[in-house]
């Protein structure tokens, strides 16, 4: 039997967006710009969607 457990308390505000520091973004973009780097693999490893990393890279 699987028991469902709430991840947050009822009535607690939902945080819709995560905030990433400029330093975190810069490190991720620098890694993604390395020759032969896989943006999708890097994004998966750091826990973001690949399109987010592509956007950060485009903005850099």
Protein backbone atom coordinates (compact mmCIF):
# COMPACT_ATOMS: atom_id res chain seq x y z
CA UNK A 1 0.00 0.00 0.00
CA UNK A 2 1.30 3.45 -0.92
CA UNK A 3 0.56 6.32 1.42
CA UNK A 4 0.45 9.84 0.01
CA UNK A 5 2.16 12.50 2.09
CA UNK A 6 1.66 16.21 1.50
CA UNK A 7 4.86 18.05 0.55
CA UNK A 8 3.72 21.28 2.13
CA UNK A 9 1.35 22.35 4.87
CA UNK A 10 -2.15 23.17 3.77
CA UNK A 11 -2.55 26.91 3.45
CA UNK A 12 1.19 27.50 3.04
CA UNK A 13 1.97 29.82 0.14
CA UNK A 14 3.25 28.17 -3.01
CA UNK A 15 6.53 29.38 -4.38
CA UNK A 16 5.91 29.44 -8.10
CA UNK A 17 9.37 30.49 -9.22
CA UNK A 18 12.78 29.51 -8.02
CA UNK A 19 15.41 32.23 -7.88
CA UNK A 20 18.88 31.43 -9.15
CA UNK A 21 21.85 33.56 -8.17
CA UNK A 22 23.85 35.30 -10.88
CA UNK A 23 26.88 33.29 -9.77
CA UNK A 24 25.02 29.99 -10.20
CA UNK A 25 23.85 31.03 -13.68
CA UNK A 26 27.34 32.15 -14.67
CA UNK A 27 28.89 28.83 -13.60
CA UNK A 28 26.21 26.84 -15.46
CA UNK A 29 26.62 28.94 -18.62
CA UNK A 30 30.42 28.68 -18.48
CA UNK A 31 30.15 24.91 -18.22
CA UNK A 32 27.63 24.81 -21.09
CA UNK A 33 29.96 26.85 -23.32
CA UNK A 34 32.83 24.35 -22.98
CA UNK A 35 33.61 22.55 -26.26
CA UNK A 36 31.72 19.26 -26.43
CA UNK A 37 29.48 20.08 -23.46
CA UNK A 38 25.92 18.75 -23.49
CA UNK A 39 23.51 21.46 -22.36
CA UNK A 40 20.80 18.87 -21.71
CA UNK A 41 23.08 16.74 -19.54
CA UNK A 42 24.28 19.76 -17.56
CA UNK A 43 20.72 21.00 -17.05
CA UNK A 44 19.58 17.57 -15.89
CA UNK A 45 22.49 17.31 -13.45
CA UNK A 46 21.82 20.70 -11.84
CA UNK A 47 18.05 20.22 -11.77
CA UNK A 48 16.72 22.67 -14.35
CA UNK A 49 14.99 22.32 -17.69
CA UNK A 50 17.36 22.43 -20.68
CA UNK A 51 15.43 25.34 -22.20
CA UNK A 52 16.23 27.40 -19.10
CA UNK A 53 19.95 26.82 -19.54
CA UNK A 54 19.71 27.59 -23.25
CA UNK A 55 18.01 30.90 -22.34
CA UNK A 56 20.70 31.77 -19.79
CA UNK A 57 23.35 30.97 -22.39
CA UNK A 58 21.61 33.11 -25.02
CA UNK A 59 21.35 36.04 -22.58
CA UNK A 60 25.01 35.80 -21.55
